[in-house]
Amino acid sequence: MNTKKGVSFIPKALLLTALPVLMLSGCISAPETKSQQSVRDLHYQIPPSSMTTSGSGYTQMKWWRSYHSETLNQLVDQGLHANPNLKAQVHVLQQQFDLYQAERGSLLFPTVNLGVNTERQKLFFGPGVLFGPFNLYNTGVNVSYGIDLWGASRLALKEILSQLQAQNFQYEASEQTLAANIVTAAMNLAYELKLLDLQQRVLADQNRQLSLLKIQYQSGAIDQDSLLAQEQTLSNAQAVIPQTQKSIEQLKHQLNALLGRSPDAQIDSGDLAQMKLPAPVPVALPAQLLVQRPDIRAAEALWDAAASQVGVAKANMLPQFTLTASTAFDAITLSKLFRSKSLVWALGGNLTQPLFDGGALKNKKKAAIEAMQSAGLVYRQTVVTAFQQVADALTALQHDQQTLQYRTNSLQQEETRLRLAQTRYVSGATSLSSLISEQSSLKNIQITVLAAQSSLLADSAALYQAMGGNWSGKKSGLPQQG
């Protein structure tokens, strides 16, 4: 390497070579994804129905609090803080962020190295001409910087950042899924607990009915077939209780697993039975409302990353320019190492243009374009799927609300029949057995109403999840590409 003492010498040829290239710097850019244009023509309007409520209450923060159950709030909060899978994703996300910072440092900043060397040398200059042996001491700084002529480093960094943002959105989606799973499991547990209570009350009615029929059978008022029919009814009422108890235990195990606890940990059902359907229920969703879904934002970020890779592939086909500089002190004795006469420096530039690579760079660019087109279609399908899920949830809410209304009407009718039966029983116009039968029928209809209420609650939780509201109240915390 040619070296020259001083700091004022820069080869003119180097400047003449670099100047036109520097003037073209930044000409390459990533293709525009225009993701918003892909969804602006999508919308969903629920068909006209008896539902008259409307609004946007489902976008509130911590949506599960709208059910007004402190026990439910505590369960979700515990899960978000203690679930092992979610905590593992936090560490993975932090790891990826650290790797992004490392890559950012290598792409945007020069490499500076300090070197200290000591060598024992003996030089040969010709027959009989030797110099040494002697010690050579060297200490200096080497600098290398790849100029981002075509924006390749900027685009590569943008690609990494987009992938990191996609992973962050995927983490937020995991948070929402976990919250929705806890809410759904808690709702199912509340339903099963209330169902068990009603089933046990029906069983008590059937036991009373059987006792009365046994007395009638012994007195000859009824035949054995009537007694056997009631015994069979009692057996059927008994058979459903173990299934409900099994469901209760399994739901408790599921909740404990979601909370990161052992299956036999105690679950305080508390006021789960007091959960109420939130209001208002939206009947129409504009397209921009779904853009907040983490899975859509993750797909969009991956699309942006693929577009950036196209720009990188294009830039790699153009000339690459690297600047190098070094300054050092060389001396054969330590006492002279840091004198001004021992100072040496070098400044250089390297310009390379791919000429022939067997089509490698060209095919890499084509592959990057295909990957970008694929990512765009995945994004589009993610949006379509999101609208389908919201439409399904809204439709379920509509029809399940109608079912609940019909079940409630049936319950009111049965309550009227029971009051009439009680009046007839007091007046002696009907038997105690008939009254117990009406009471049992009322409880069975109460079970159907309970099931309809549970379905409606589950529908609302599904809609919350499908809408992906900004309930977390957090920003991604990721750096913005400048």
Protein backbone atom coordinates (compact mmCIF):
# COMPACT_ATOMS: atom_id res chain seq x y z
CA MET A 1 0.00 0.00 0.00
CA ASN A 2 1.32 3.44 -0.93
CA THR A 3 1.59 5.68 2.07
CA LYS A 4 2.46 9.34 2.42
CA LYS A 5 3.04 11.43 5.49
CA GLY A 6 0.68 14.32 6.10
CA VAL A 7 -3.07 14.75 5.81
CA SER A 8 -3.63 16.84 2.67
CA PHE A 9 -3.14 14.31 -0.09
CA ILE A 10 -6.30 12.86 -1.71
CA PRO A 11 -5.84 11.35 -5.19
CA LYS A 12 -7.71 13.33 -7.88
CA ALA A 13 -8.55 10.11 -9.67
CA LEU A 14 -10.42 8.96 -6.59
CA LEU A 15 -12.52 12.12 -6.53
CA LEU A 16 -13.24 11.95 -10.25
CA THR A 17 -14.36 8.37 -9.87
CA ALA A 18 -16.57 8.93 -6.83
CA LEU A 19 -18.21 12.21 -7.81
CA PRO A 20 -20.66 10.97 -10.46
CA VAL A 21 -21.49 7.94 -8.38
CA LEU A 22 -22.21 10.07 -5.32
CA MET A 23 -24.47 12.29 -7.42
CA LEU A 24 -26.59 9.21 -8.22
CA SER A 25 -26.74 8.13 -4.58
CA GLY A 26 -30.18 7.13 -3.32
CA CYS A 27 -31.72 6.58 -6.75
CA ILE A 28 -33.00 3.12 -5.81
CA SER A 29 -36.12 2.82 -3.67
CA ALA A 30 -38.41 0.01 -2.63
CA PRO A 31 -41.65 -0.48 -4.57
CA GLU A 32 -44.70 1.05 -2.92
CA THR A 33 -47.00 -1.51 -1.34
CA LYS A 34 -49.98 0.87 -1.09
CA SER A 35 -51.58 -1.45 1.41
CA GLN A 36 -54.36 0.97 2.27
CA GLN A 37 -55.68 0.85 -1.28
CA SER A 38 -56.09 -2.89 -0.90
CA VAL A 39 -58.67 -2.54 1.86
CA ARG A 40 -60.39 0.75 1.23
CA ASP A 41 -63.00 -0.95 -0.97
CA LEU A 42 -63.91 -3.47 1.75
CA HIS A 43 -66.70 -2.94 4.24
CA TYR A 44 -69.34 -4.88 6.10
CA GLN A 45 -72.88 -3.85 6.93
CA ILE A 46 -74.99 -6.20 9.01
CA PRO A 47 -78.35 -7.01 7.40
CA PRO A 48 -81.39 -5.20 8.83
CA SER A 49 -82.75 -6.93 11.93
CA SER A 50 -84.33 -6.32 15.28
CA MET A 51 -80.95 -5.10 16.58
CA THR A 52 -81.13 -1.34 16.98
CA THR A 53 -78.06 -0.57 19.08
CA SER A 54 -75.02 0.92 17.40
CA GLY A 55 -71.74 2.49 18.31
CA SER A 56 -68.03 1.82 18.59
CA GLY A 57 -67.74 0.68 22.17
CA TYR A 58 -65.77 -2.39 21.14
CA THR A 59 -62.60 -0.39 20.50
CA GLN A 60 -62.11 0.60 24.10
CA MET A 61 -58.99 -0.32 26.03
CA LYS A 62 -59.10 -3.53 28.08
CA TRP A 63 -62.37 -4.56 26.52
CA TRP A 64 -62.98 -7.41 28.98
CA ARG A 65 -63.74 -4.82 31.67
CA SER A 66 -66.99 -4.02 29.88
CA TYR A 67 -68.46 -7.25 31.31
CA HIS A 68 -68.38 -5.70 34.81
CA SER A 69 -66.82 -8.71 36.51
CA GLU A 70 -63.92 -8.01 38.83
CA THR A 71 -63.06 -11.71 38.91
CA LEU A 72 -62.83 -11.76 35.11
CA ASN A 73 -60.63 -8.65 35.17
CA GLN A 74 -58.26 -10.29 37.64
CA LEU A 75 -58.07 -13.51 35.61
CA VAL A 76 -57.14 -11.69 32.40
CA ASP A 77 -54.63 -9.44 34.12
CA GLN A 78 -52.99 -12.45 35.77
CA GLY A 79 -52.78 -14.27 32.46
CA LEU A 80 -51.21 -11.34 30.62
CA HIS A 81 -48.54 -11.05 33.32
CA ALA A 82 -47.84 -14.71 34.03
CA ASN A 83 -48.50 -16.79 30.90
CA PRO A 84 -45.14 -18.48 30.05
CA ASN A 85 -45.66 -18.44 26.29
CA LEU A 86 -46.38 -14.74 26.32
CA LYS A 87 -43.38 -14.01 28.52
CA ALA A 88 -41.19 -16.07 26.20
CA GLN A 89 -42.32 -13.95 23.26
CA VAL A 90 -41.28 -10.83 25.16
CA HIS A 91 -37.71 -12.15 25.40
CA VAL A 92 -37.70 -13.18 21.74
CA LEU A 93 -38.92 -9.73 20.76
CA GLN A 94 -36.21 -8.08 22.85
CA GLN A 95 -33.64 -10.40 21.27
CA GLN A 96 -34.76 -9.40 17.78
CA PHE A 97 -34.64 -5.74 18.72
CA ASP A 98 -31.06 -6.12 19.97
CA LEU A 99 -30.12 -7.84 16.70
CA TYR A 100 -31.75 -4.99 14.78
CA GLN A 101 -29.66 -2.48 16.72
CA ALA A 102 -26.52 -4.49 15.96
CA GLU A 103 -27.33 -4.61 12.24
CA ARG A 104 -28.14 -0.90 12.26
CA GLY A 105 -24.72 -0.15 13.68
CA SER A 106 -22.93 -2.22 11.05
CA LEU A 107 -24.91 -0.79 8.12
CA LEU A 108 -25.04 2.91 8.94
CA PHE A 109 -21.74 3.61 10.66
CA PRO A 110 -18.06 3.18 9.75
CA THR A 111 -16.03 0.34 11.18
CA VAL A 112 -13.19 1.64 13.34
CA ASN A 113 -10.53 -0.71 14.71
CA LEU A 114 -7.53 -0.07 16.92
CA GLY A 115 -4.51 -2.27 16.30
CA VAL A 116 -1.33 -2.77 18.30
CA ASN A 117 1.37 -5.05 16.79
CA THR A 118 4.89 -6.09 17.67
CA GLU A 119 7.04 -8.12 15.25
CA ARG A 120 10.60 -9.44 15.16
CA GLN A 121 11.90 -9.10 11.56
CA LYS A 122 14.97 -9.67 9.44
CA LEU A 123 14.94 -8.26 5.89
CA PHE A 124 16.90 -9.53 2.85
CA PHE A 125 17.76 -6.95 0.17
CA GLY A 126 20.11 -9.01 -2.03
CA PRO A 127 23.21 -11.22 -1.82
CA GLY A 128 25.05 -10.32 1.29
CA VAL A 129 22.71 -7.47 2.12
CA LEU A 130 20.73 -8.12 5.30
CA PHE A 131 19.02 -5.79 7.69
CA GLY A 132 18.25 -6.88 11.18
CA PRO A 133 17.07 -8.70 13.02
CA PHE A 134 15.08 -5.87 14.64
CA ASN A 135 11.81 -5.20 16.45
CA LEU A 136 8.95 -3.40 14.65
CA TYR A 137 6.31 -1.69 16.74
CA ASN A 138 3.03 -0.53 15.21
CA THR A 139 -0.10 1.02 16.62
CA GLY A 140 -2.87 2.70 14.64
CA VAL A 141 -6.50 3.07 13.67
CA ASN A 142 -8.18 1.53 10.60
CA VAL A 143 -11.47 2.91 9.28
CA SER A 144 -13.70 1.32 6.66
CA TYR A 145 -17.01 2.69 5.42
CA GLY A 146 -19.23 1.37 2.67
CA ILE A 147 -21.02 4.32 1.06
CA ASP A 148 -24.72 3.64 0.60
CA LEU A 149 -24.75 4.77 -3.03
CA TRP A 150 -28.10 3.30 -4.01
CA GLY A 151 -29.76 3.15 -0.61
CA ALA A 152 -29.12 -0.59 -0.22
CA SER A 153 -28.14 -0.27 3.43
CA ARG A 154 -31.13 1.93 4.15
CA LEU A 155 -33.46 -0.53 2.45
CA ALA A 156 -31.85 -3.51 4.17
CA LEU A 157 -32.33 -1.79 7.51
CA LYS A 158 -35.93 -0.97 6.62
CA GLU A 159 -36.50 -4.63 5.79
CA ILE A 160 -35.17 -5.74 9.17
CA LEU A 161 -37.21 -3.11 10.95
CA SER A 162 -40.38 -4.16 9.10
CA GLN A 163 -39.80 -7.76 10.13
CA LEU A 164 -39.26 -6.63 13.72
CA GLN A 165 -42.47 -4.63 13.62
CA ALA A 166 -44.29 -7.65 12.20
CA GLN A 167 -43.05 -9.72 15.11
CA ASN A 168 -44.17 -7.04 17.54
CA PHE A 169 -47.66 -7.07 16.01
CA GLN A 170 -47.68 -10.86 16.25
CA TYR A 171 -46.90 -10.49 19.95
CA GLU A 172 -49.84 -8.11 20.32
CA ALA A 173 -52.01 -10.64 18.50
CA SER A 174 -50.88 -13.28 21.00
CA GLU A 175 -51.89 -10.95 23.83
CA GLN A 176 -55.33 -10.52 22.33
CA THR A 177 -55.73 -14.25 21.71
CA LEU A 178 -54.73 -15.04 25.29
CA ALA A 179 -57.17 -12.47 26.69
CA ALA A 180 -59.96 -13.80 24.46
CA ASN A 181 -59.21 -17.40 25.50
CA ILE A 182 -59.33 -16.48 29.19
CA VAL A 183 -62.57 -14.54 28.72
CA THR A 184 -64.18 -17.39 26.77
CA ALA A 185 -63.09 -20.01 29.29
CA ALA A 186 -64.37 -17.86 32.17
CA MET A 187 -67.69 -17.36 30.40
CA ASN A 188 -68.01 -21.09 29.81
CA LEU A 189 -67.18 -21.75 33.45
CA ALA A 190 -69.83 -19.27 34.59
CA TYR A 191 -72.36 -20.97 32.30
CA GLU A 192 -71.51 -24.46 33.52
CA LEU A 193 -71.74 -23.40 37.17
CA LYS A 194 -75.19 -21.91 36.66
CA LEU A 195 -76.19 -24.91 34.56
CA LEU A 196 -75.14 -27.27 37.34
CA ASP A 197 -77.27 -25.36 39.81
CA LEU A 198 -80.34 -25.59 37.56
CA GLN A 199 -79.71 -29.27 36.82
CA GLN A 200 -79.50 -30.05 40.53
CA ARG A 201 -82.78 -28.21 41.12
CA VAL A 202 -84.42 -30.18 38.30
CA LEU A 203 -83.06 -33.36 39.86
CA ALA A 204 -84.59 -32.38 43.20
CA ASP A 205 -87.95 -31.84 41.48
CA GLN A 206 -87.73 -35.24 39.82
CA ASN A 207 -86.92 -36.89 43.15
CA ARG A 208 -89.96 -35.26 44.71
CA GLN A 209 -92.07 -36.35 41.77
CA LEU A 210 -90.83 -39.92 42.10
CA SER A 211 -91.63 -39.96 45.81
CA LEU A 212 -95.22 -38.86 45.11
CA LEU A 213 -95.66 -41.45 42.35
CA LYS A 214 -94.39 -44.20 44.62
CA ILE A 215 -97.12 -43.33 47.11
CA GLN A 216 -99.70 -43.32 44.33
CA TYR A 217 -98.40 -46.63 43.00
CA GLN A 218 -98.60 -48.25 46.43
CA SER A 219 -102.19 -47.03 46.76
CA GLY A 220 -103.04 -48.38 43.32
CA ALA A 221 -103.75 -44.95 41.83
CA ILE A 222 -101.20 -45.44 39.00
CA ASP A 223 -99.72 -48.44 37.23
CA GLN A 224 -96.11 -49.58 37.23
CA ASP A 225 -95.41 -48.09 33.78
CA SER A 226 -95.99 -44.58 35.12
CA LEU A 227 -93.60 -45.26 37.98
CA LEU A 228 -90.94 -46.69 35.66
CA ALA A 229 -91.30 -43.69 33.34
CA GLN A 230 -90.58 -41.32 36.21
CA GLU A 231 -87.64 -43.41 37.34
CA GLN A 232 -86.25 -43.18 33.82
CA THR A 233 -86.77 -39.40 33.82
CA LEU A 234 -84.91 -39.21 37.12
CA SER A 235 -82.04 -41.28 35.72
CA ASN A 236 -81.78 -38.96 32.73
CA ALA A 237 -81.65 -35.96 35.06
CA GLN A 238 -78.91 -37.64 37.08
CA ALA A 239 -76.87 -38.56 33.99
CA VAL A 240 -76.28 -34.99 32.81
CA ILE A 241 -74.83 -33.79 36.11
CA PRO A 242 -71.50 -35.68 35.92
CA GLN A 243 -70.96 -34.30 32.42
CA THR A 244 -71.46 -30.77 33.68
CA GLN A 245 -69.14 -31.41 36.62
CA LYS A 246 -66.52 -32.76 34.21
CA SER A 247 -66.79 -29.62 32.08
CA ILE A 248 -66.40 -27.43 35.16
CA GLU A 249 -63.22 -29.20 36.25
CA GLN A 250 -61.74 -29.13 32.74
CA LEU A 251 -62.50 -25.42 32.38
CA LYS A 252 -60.74 -24.75 35.67
CA HIS A 253 -57.74 -26.73 34.38
CA GLN A 254 -57.80 -24.71 31.15
CA LEU A 255 -57.94 -21.41 33.01
CA ASN A 256 -55.05 -22.41 35.25
CA ALA A 257 -52.98 -23.38 32.21
CA LEU A 258 -53.69 -20.02 30.57
CA LEU A 259 -52.60 -18.34 33.81
CA GLY A 260 -49.40 -20.39 33.90
CA ARG A 261 -50.43 -22.33 37.00
CA SER A 262 -50.81 -25.99 37.90
CA PRO A 263 -54.18 -27.57 37.00
CA ASP A 264 -55.22 -28.08 40.64
CA ALA A 265 -54.76 -24.42 41.63
CA GLN A 266 -57.85 -22.84 43.08
CA ILE A 267 -60.04 -20.78 40.74
CA ASP A 268 -62.20 -18.18 42.42
CA SER A 269 -65.37 -18.17 40.33
CA GLY A 270 -66.43 -15.08 42.27
CA ASP A 271 -68.89 -12.93 40.37
CA LEU A 272 -68.47 -14.62 37.00
CA ALA A 273 -72.17 -15.40 37.07
CA GLN A 274 -72.89 -11.66 37.10
CA MET A 275 -71.27 -10.95 33.73
CA LYS A 276 -73.48 -8.79 31.53
CA LEU A 277 -73.53 -8.32 27.77
CA PRO A 278 -71.75 -5.07 26.90
CA ALA A 279 -73.63 -2.34 25.11
CA PRO A 280 -73.83 -0.90 22.57
CA VAL A 281 -73.31 -3.62 19.97
CA PRO A 282 -72.07 -2.22 16.65
CA VAL A 283 -74.02 -3.06 13.52
CA ALA A 284 -71.58 -1.64 10.96
CA LEU A 285 -67.80 -1.58 10.75
CA PRO A 286 -65.83 0.77 8.49
CA ALA A 287 -62.73 -0.59 6.79
CA GLN A 288 -60.35 1.61 8.79
CA LEU A 289 -61.55 0.00 12.02
CA LEU A 290 -59.98 -3.32 11.06
CA VAL A 291 -56.63 -1.82 10.16
CA GLN A 292 -55.85 -1.87 13.89
CA ARG A 293 -55.91 -5.68 13.96
CA PRO A 294 -52.38 -6.88 14.83
CA ASP A 295 -52.42 -9.70 12.27
CA ILE A 296 -53.26 -7.24 9.48
CA ARG A 297 -50.54 -4.88 10.61
CA ALA A 298 -48.07 -7.78 10.82
CA ALA A 299 -48.94 -8.87 7.26
CA GLU A 300 -48.53 -5.29 6.09
CA ALA A 301 -45.12 -5.04 7.76
CA LEU A 302 -43.98 -8.27 6.09
CA TRP A 303 -45.17 -6.90 2.77
CA ASP A 304 -43.10 -3.76 3.34
CA ALA A 305 -40.11 -5.94 4.25
CA ALA A 306 -40.46 -7.88 0.99
CA ALA A 307 -40.69 -4.62 -0.96
CA SER A 308 -37.50 -3.39 0.70
CA GLN A 309 -35.76 -6.60 -0.32
CA VAL A 310 -36.61 -5.83 -3.96
CA GLY A 311 -34.80 -2.49 -3.61
CA VAL A 312 -31.81 -4.23 -2.02
CA ALA A 313 -31.66 -6.74 -4.87
CA LYS A 314 -31.71 -3.92 -7.44
CA ALA A 315 -28.98 -2.00 -5.59
CA ASN A 316 -26.73 -5.07 -5.47
CA MET A 317 -26.62 -5.04 -9.29
CA LEU A 318 -25.08 -1.54 -9.32
CA PRO A 319 -21.53 -0.37 -8.50
CA GLN A 320 -20.47 -0.65 -4.86
CA PHE A 321 -18.12 1.91 -3.34
CA THR A 322 -16.09 1.55 -0.13
CA LEU A 323 -13.82 4.11 1.53
CA THR A 324 -10.91 3.00 3.69
CA ALA A 325 -8.54 5.04 5.81
CA SER A 326 -5.82 4.21 8.26
CA THR A 327 -3.31 6.06 10.38
CA ALA A 328 -0.54 4.47 12.41
CA PHE A 329 2.79 4.91 14.10
CA ASP A 330 5.65 2.63 12.98
CA ALA A 331 8.99 2.47 14.76
CA ILE A 332 11.74 0.01 15.49
CA THR A 333 12.06 1.21 19.07
CA LEU A 334 9.37 2.01 21.58
CA SER A 335 10.95 5.37 22.39
CA LYS A 336 10.40 6.58 18.79
CA LEU A 337 6.92 5.06 18.29
CA PHE A 338 4.82 8.17 18.88
CA ARG A 339 7.08 10.74 17.22
CA SER A 340 5.68 12.76 14.32
CA LYS A 341 8.19 11.24 11.90
CA SER A 342 6.78 7.79 12.74
CA LEU A 343 3.27 8.72 11.58
CA VAL A 344 2.02 7.03 8.42
CA TRP A 345 -1.46 7.12 6.88
CA ALA A 346 -3.37 5.75 3.94
CA LEU A 347 -6.60 6.72 2.21
CA GLY A 348 -8.24 4.57 -0.41
CA GLY A 349 -11.40 3.87 -2.26
CA ASN A 350 -12.74 0.71 -3.82
CA LEU A 351 -15.30 0.71 -6.63
CA THR A 352 -16.69 -2.60 -7.89
CA GLN A 353 -19.24 -3.30 -10.62
CA PRO A 354 -20.63 -6.81 -11.12
CA LEU A 355 -19.94 -7.91 -14.70
CA PHE A 356 -20.71 -11.61 -14.76
CA ASP A 357 -22.15 -13.82 -12.02
CA GLY A 358 -24.04 -16.44 -13.97
CA GLY A 359 -27.31 -14.56 -13.56
CA ALA A 360 -27.24 -14.79 -9.76
CA LEU A 361 -28.08 -11.15 -9.04
CA LYS A 362 -30.73 -11.01 -11.76
CA ASN A 363 -32.48 -14.10 -10.45
CA LYS A 364 -32.26 -12.84 -6.87
CA LYS A 365 -34.07 -9.70 -7.97
CA LYS A 366 -36.76 -11.75 -9.71
CA ALA A 367 -37.13 -13.91 -6.59
CA ALA A 368 -37.48 -10.79 -4.44
CA ILE A 369 -40.23 -9.47 -6.73
CA GLU A 370 -42.09 -12.79 -6.50
CA ALA A 371 -41.76 -12.72 -2.70
CA MET A 372 -43.17 -9.17 -2.61
CA GLN A 373 -46.13 -10.17 -4.78
CA SER A 374 -46.77 -13.20 -2.57
CA ALA A 375 -46.62 -11.06 0.59
CA GLY A 376 -49.09 -8.64 -0.97
CA LEU A 377 -51.56 -11.42 -1.66
CA VAL A 378 -51.11 -12.79 1.87
CA TYR A 379 -51.88 -9.31 3.18
CA ARG A 380 -54.99 -9.12 1.03
CA GLN A 381 -56.19 -12.52 2.23
CA THR A 382 -55.52 -11.54 5.85
CA VAL A 383 -57.78 -8.52 5.42
CA VAL A 384 -60.50 -10.59 3.74
CA THR A 385 -60.32 -13.19 6.51
CA ALA A 386 -60.55 -10.46 9.14
CA PHE A 387 -63.72 -9.10 7.57
CA GLN A 388 -65.15 -12.60 7.40
CA GLN A 389 -64.48 -13.13 11.11
CA VAL A 390 -66.12 -9.83 12.02
CA ALA A 391 -69.07 -10.55 9.75
CA ASP A 392 -69.46 -14.01 11.32
CA ALA A 393 -69.36 -12.54 14.83
CA LEU A 394 -71.90 -9.84 13.98
CA THR A 395 -74.20 -12.38 12.32
CA ALA A 396 -73.92 -14.68 15.33
CA LEU A 397 -74.77 -11.78 17.64
CA GLN A 398 -77.81 -10.92 15.56
CA HIS A 399 -79.26 -14.42 15.37
CA ASP A 400 -78.32 -15.44 18.90
CA GLN A 401 -80.01 -12.33 20.20
CA GLN A 402 -83.15 -13.35 18.35
CA THR A 403 -82.85 -16.84 19.84
CA LEU A 404 -82.51 -15.36 23.32
CA GLN A 405 -85.62 -13.25 22.72
CA TYR A 406 -87.64 -16.32 21.70
CA ARG A 407 -86.31 -18.31 24.66
CA THR A 408 -87.18 -15.44 26.99
CA ASN A 409 -90.71 -15.32 25.56
CA SER A 410 -91.05 -19.05 26.16
CA LEU A 411 -89.81 -18.60 29.72
CA GLN A 412 -92.38 -15.87 30.39
CA GLN A 413 -95.12 -18.11 29.04
CA GLU A 414 -94.00 -20.98 31.24
CA GLU A 415 -93.90 -18.70 34.27
CA THR A 416 -97.54 -17.77 33.56
CA ARG A 417 -98.45 -21.45 33.31
CA LEU A 418 -96.71 -22.12 36.62
CA ARG A 419 -98.64 -19.33 38.36
CA LEU A 420 -101.88 -20.79 37.01
CA ALA A 421 -100.86 -24.26 38.20
CA GLN A 422 -100.09 -22.89 41.66
CA THR A 423 -103.52 -21.24 41.77
CA ARG A 424 -105.23 -24.49 40.77
CA TYR A 425 -103.18 -26.43 43.32
CA VAL A 426 -104.18 -24.05 46.14
CA SER A 427 -107.84 -24.40 45.12
CA GLY A 428 -107.50 -28.18 44.92
CA ALA A 429 -108.13 -28.31 41.18
CA THR A 430 -104.77 -29.98 40.43
CA SER A 431 -102.40 -32.34 42.14
CA LEU A 432 -99.01 -31.67 43.71
CA SER A 433 -97.50 -33.93 41.07
CA SER A 434 -98.77 -31.67 38.29
CA LEU A 435 -97.42 -28.61 40.10
CA ILE A 436 -93.97 -30.21 40.46
CA SER A 437 -94.04 -31.12 36.77
CA GLU A 438 -94.68 -27.48 35.86
CA GLN A 439 -91.88 -26.35 38.15
CA SER A 440 -89.51 -28.80 36.48
CA SER A 441 -90.55 -27.59 33.02
CA LEU A 442 -89.81 -24.03 34.07
CA LYS A 443 -86.29 -24.97 35.15
CA ASN A 444 -85.67 -26.78 31.85
CA ILE A 445 -86.69 -23.67 29.93
CA GLN A 446 -84.44 -21.61 32.22
CA ILE A 447 -81.60 -23.86 31.07
CA THR A 448 -82.32 -23.02 27.42
CA VAL A 449 -82.39 -19.31 28.28
CA LEU A 450 -79.08 -19.70 30.11
CA ALA A 451 -77.56 -21.39 27.04
CA ALA A 452 -78.77 -18.56 24.80
CA GLN A 453 -77.32 -15.96 27.17
CA SER A 454 -74.01 -17.82 27.22
CA SER A 455 -73.90 -17.94 23.43
CA LEU A 456 -74.52 -14.23 23.23
CA LEU A 457 -71.69 -13.50 25.66
CA ALA A 458 -69.36 -15.74 23.67
CA ASP A 459 -70.37 -13.94 20.46
CA SER A 460 -69.47 -10.59 21.98
CA ALA A 461 -66.03 -11.89 23.03
CA ALA A 462 -65.50 -13.24 19.51
CA LEU A 463 -66.38 -9.84 18.08
CA TYR A 464 -63.97 -8.11 20.44
CA GLN A 465 -61.19 -10.41 19.26
CA ALA A 466 -62.15 -10.15 15.59
CA MET A 467 -62.06 -6.36 15.73
CA GLY A 468 -58.61 -6.27 17.35
CA GLY A 469 -59.33 -3.05 19.21
CA ASN A 470 -56.54 -0.96 20.68
CA TRP A 471 -57.33 -2.22 24.15
CA SER A 472 -53.69 -2.70 25.21
CA GLY A 473 -53.00 1.04 25.37
CA LYS A 474 -49.40 0.42 24.25
CA LYS A 475 -47.34 1.63 21.36
CA SER A 476 -44.91 -0.70 19.70
CA GLY A 477 -41.88 1.08 21.10
CA LEU A 478 -39.92 0.30 17.94
CA PRO A 479 -37.65 2.85 16.27
CA GLN A 480 -38.87 4.62 13.18
CA GLN A 481 -36.84 4.44 10.01
CA GLY A 482 -35.47 7.85 9.12
